[in-house]
Amino acid sequence: MRIPKSWVPSISKRIVDNLIKKELIDSNVSVDNLIAETEKLLLTELTAEDRLNDEVRQLLKKYETEIEKGRLDYRKLFDMTKQKLVRERNIIL
């Protein structure tokens, strides 16, 4: 995640407030509910890369012995695997 989690509530509130102020949304739910949902969405998007990195680490555990023996470069393999998954899944980081 590239921004601190502690910023998410503030950012969410600003987004919702601006949308309401500019009359871009007309909500049937309370502002607090809108802010809470916006926070959830932001956290999901902001942690996408973290989840992807965890998945790549799990995939590379299969090659742990080759990496330890120096036959494979972990960093290079990690980056290549990550980029492959990003392309396959059309993930925007």
Protein backbone atom coordinates (compact mmCIF):
# COMPACT_ATOMS: atom_id res chain seq x y z
CA MET A 1 0.00 0.00 0.00
CA ARG A 2 1.47 3.34 -0.99
CA ILE A 3 -0.42 5.60 1.37
CA PRO A 4 -0.91 5.08 5.09
CA LYS A 5 -4.12 3.33 6.13
CA SER A 6 -4.71 6.13 8.59
CA TRP A 7 -5.35 8.49 5.67
CA VAL A 8 -8.18 6.40 4.19
CA PRO A 9 -11.00 7.71 6.44
CA SER A 10 -10.03 11.31 5.71
CA ILE A 11 -9.75 10.71 1.97
CA SER A 12 -13.07 8.88 1.94
CA LYS A 13 -14.81 11.70 3.76
CA ARG A 14 -13.39 14.27 1.34
CA ILE A 15 -14.48 12.24 -1.68
CA VAL A 16 -18.04 11.82 -0.40
CA ASP A 17 -18.29 15.46 0.72
CA ASN A 18 -17.11 16.68 -2.68
CA LEU A 19 -19.51 14.43 -4.56
CA ILE A 20 -22.42 15.69 -2.45
CA LYS A 21 -21.30 19.32 -2.62
CA LYS A 22 -21.05 19.20 -6.43
CA GLU A 23 -24.41 17.40 -6.55
CA LEU A 24 -22.89 14.49 -8.46
CA ILE A 25 -24.70 11.98 -6.29
CA ASP A 26 -28.08 11.80 -4.66
CA SER A 27 -28.05 9.17 -1.98
CA ASN A 28 -30.78 7.21 -0.25
CA VAL A 29 -28.38 6.19 2.52
CA SER A 30 -26.69 8.24 5.19
CA VAL A 31 -23.43 10.09 4.58
CA ASP A 32 -21.76 7.91 7.22
CA ASN A 33 -22.71 4.78 5.27
CA LEU A 34 -21.35 6.31 2.06
CA ILE A 35 -18.08 7.15 3.78
CA ALA A 36 -17.80 3.65 5.25
CA GLU A 37 -18.38 2.02 1.84
CA THR A 38 -15.89 4.38 0.21
CA GLU A 39 -13.31 3.40 2.85
CA LYS A 40 -13.87 -0.29 2.09
CA LEU A 41 -13.47 0.28 -1.64
CA LEU A 42 -10.32 2.34 -1.21
CA LEU A 43 -8.73 -0.23 1.10
CA THR A 44 -9.54 -3.02 -1.32
CA GLU A 45 -7.91 -1.15 -4.19
CA LEU A 46 -4.94 0.05 -2.17
CA THR A 47 -4.11 -3.44 -0.91
CA ALA A 48 -4.37 -5.13 -4.32
CA GLU A 49 -0.60 -5.03 -4.82
CA ASP A 50 0.02 -6.36 -1.33
CA ARG A 51 -2.27 -9.32 -2.01
CA LEU A 52 -0.58 -9.94 -5.35
CA ASN A 53 2.88 -9.88 -3.71
CA ASP A 54 1.69 -12.45 -1.16
CA GLU A 55 0.41 -14.68 -3.93
CA VAL A 56 3.72 -14.46 -5.82
CA ARG A 57 5.62 -15.38 -2.65
CA GLN A 58 3.42 -18.46 -2.26
CA LEU A 59 3.99 -19.47 -5.88
CA LEU A 60 7.75 -19.10 -5.53
CA LYS A 61 7.89 -21.41 -2.51
CA LYS A 62 7.90 -24.29 -5.02
CA TYR A 63 11.32 -23.13 -6.20
CA GLU A 64 12.77 -22.48 -2.76
CA THR A 65 15.54 -25.08 -3.01
CA GLU A 66 16.73 -23.86 -6.43
CA ILE A 67 16.72 -20.28 -5.18
CA GLU A 68 18.69 -21.22 -2.07
CA LYS A 69 21.25 -23.10 -4.15
CA GLY A 70 21.77 -19.95 -6.21
CA ARG A 71 20.40 -21.40 -9.42
CA LEU A 72 17.59 -18.84 -9.58
CA ASP A 73 17.56 -15.15 -8.72
CA TYR A 74 14.63 -14.62 -6.32
CA ARG A 75 14.16 -10.90 -7.08
CA LYS A 76 14.16 -11.44 -10.83
CA LEU A 77 11.84 -14.42 -10.58
CA PHE A 78 9.53 -12.47 -8.24
CA ASP A 79 9.32 -9.51 -10.63
CA MET A 80 8.74 -11.71 -13.68
CA THR A 81 6.02 -13.72 -11.94
CA LYS A 82 4.33 -10.57 -10.67
CA GLN A 83 4.33 -8.95 -14.10
CA LYS A 84 2.92 -12.12 -15.66
CA LEU A 85 0.03 -12.18 -13.18
CA VAL A 86 -0.60 -8.45 -13.71
CA ARG A 87 -0.85 -8.97 -17.49
CA GLU A 88 -3.01 -12.11 -17.21
CA ARG A 89 -5.45 -10.52 -14.79
CA ASN A 90 -5.41 -6.98 -16.21
CA ILE A 91 -4.53 -5.58 -12.80
CA ILE A 92 -3.76 -1.90 -12.54
CA LEU A 93 -1.20 -1.11 -9.87
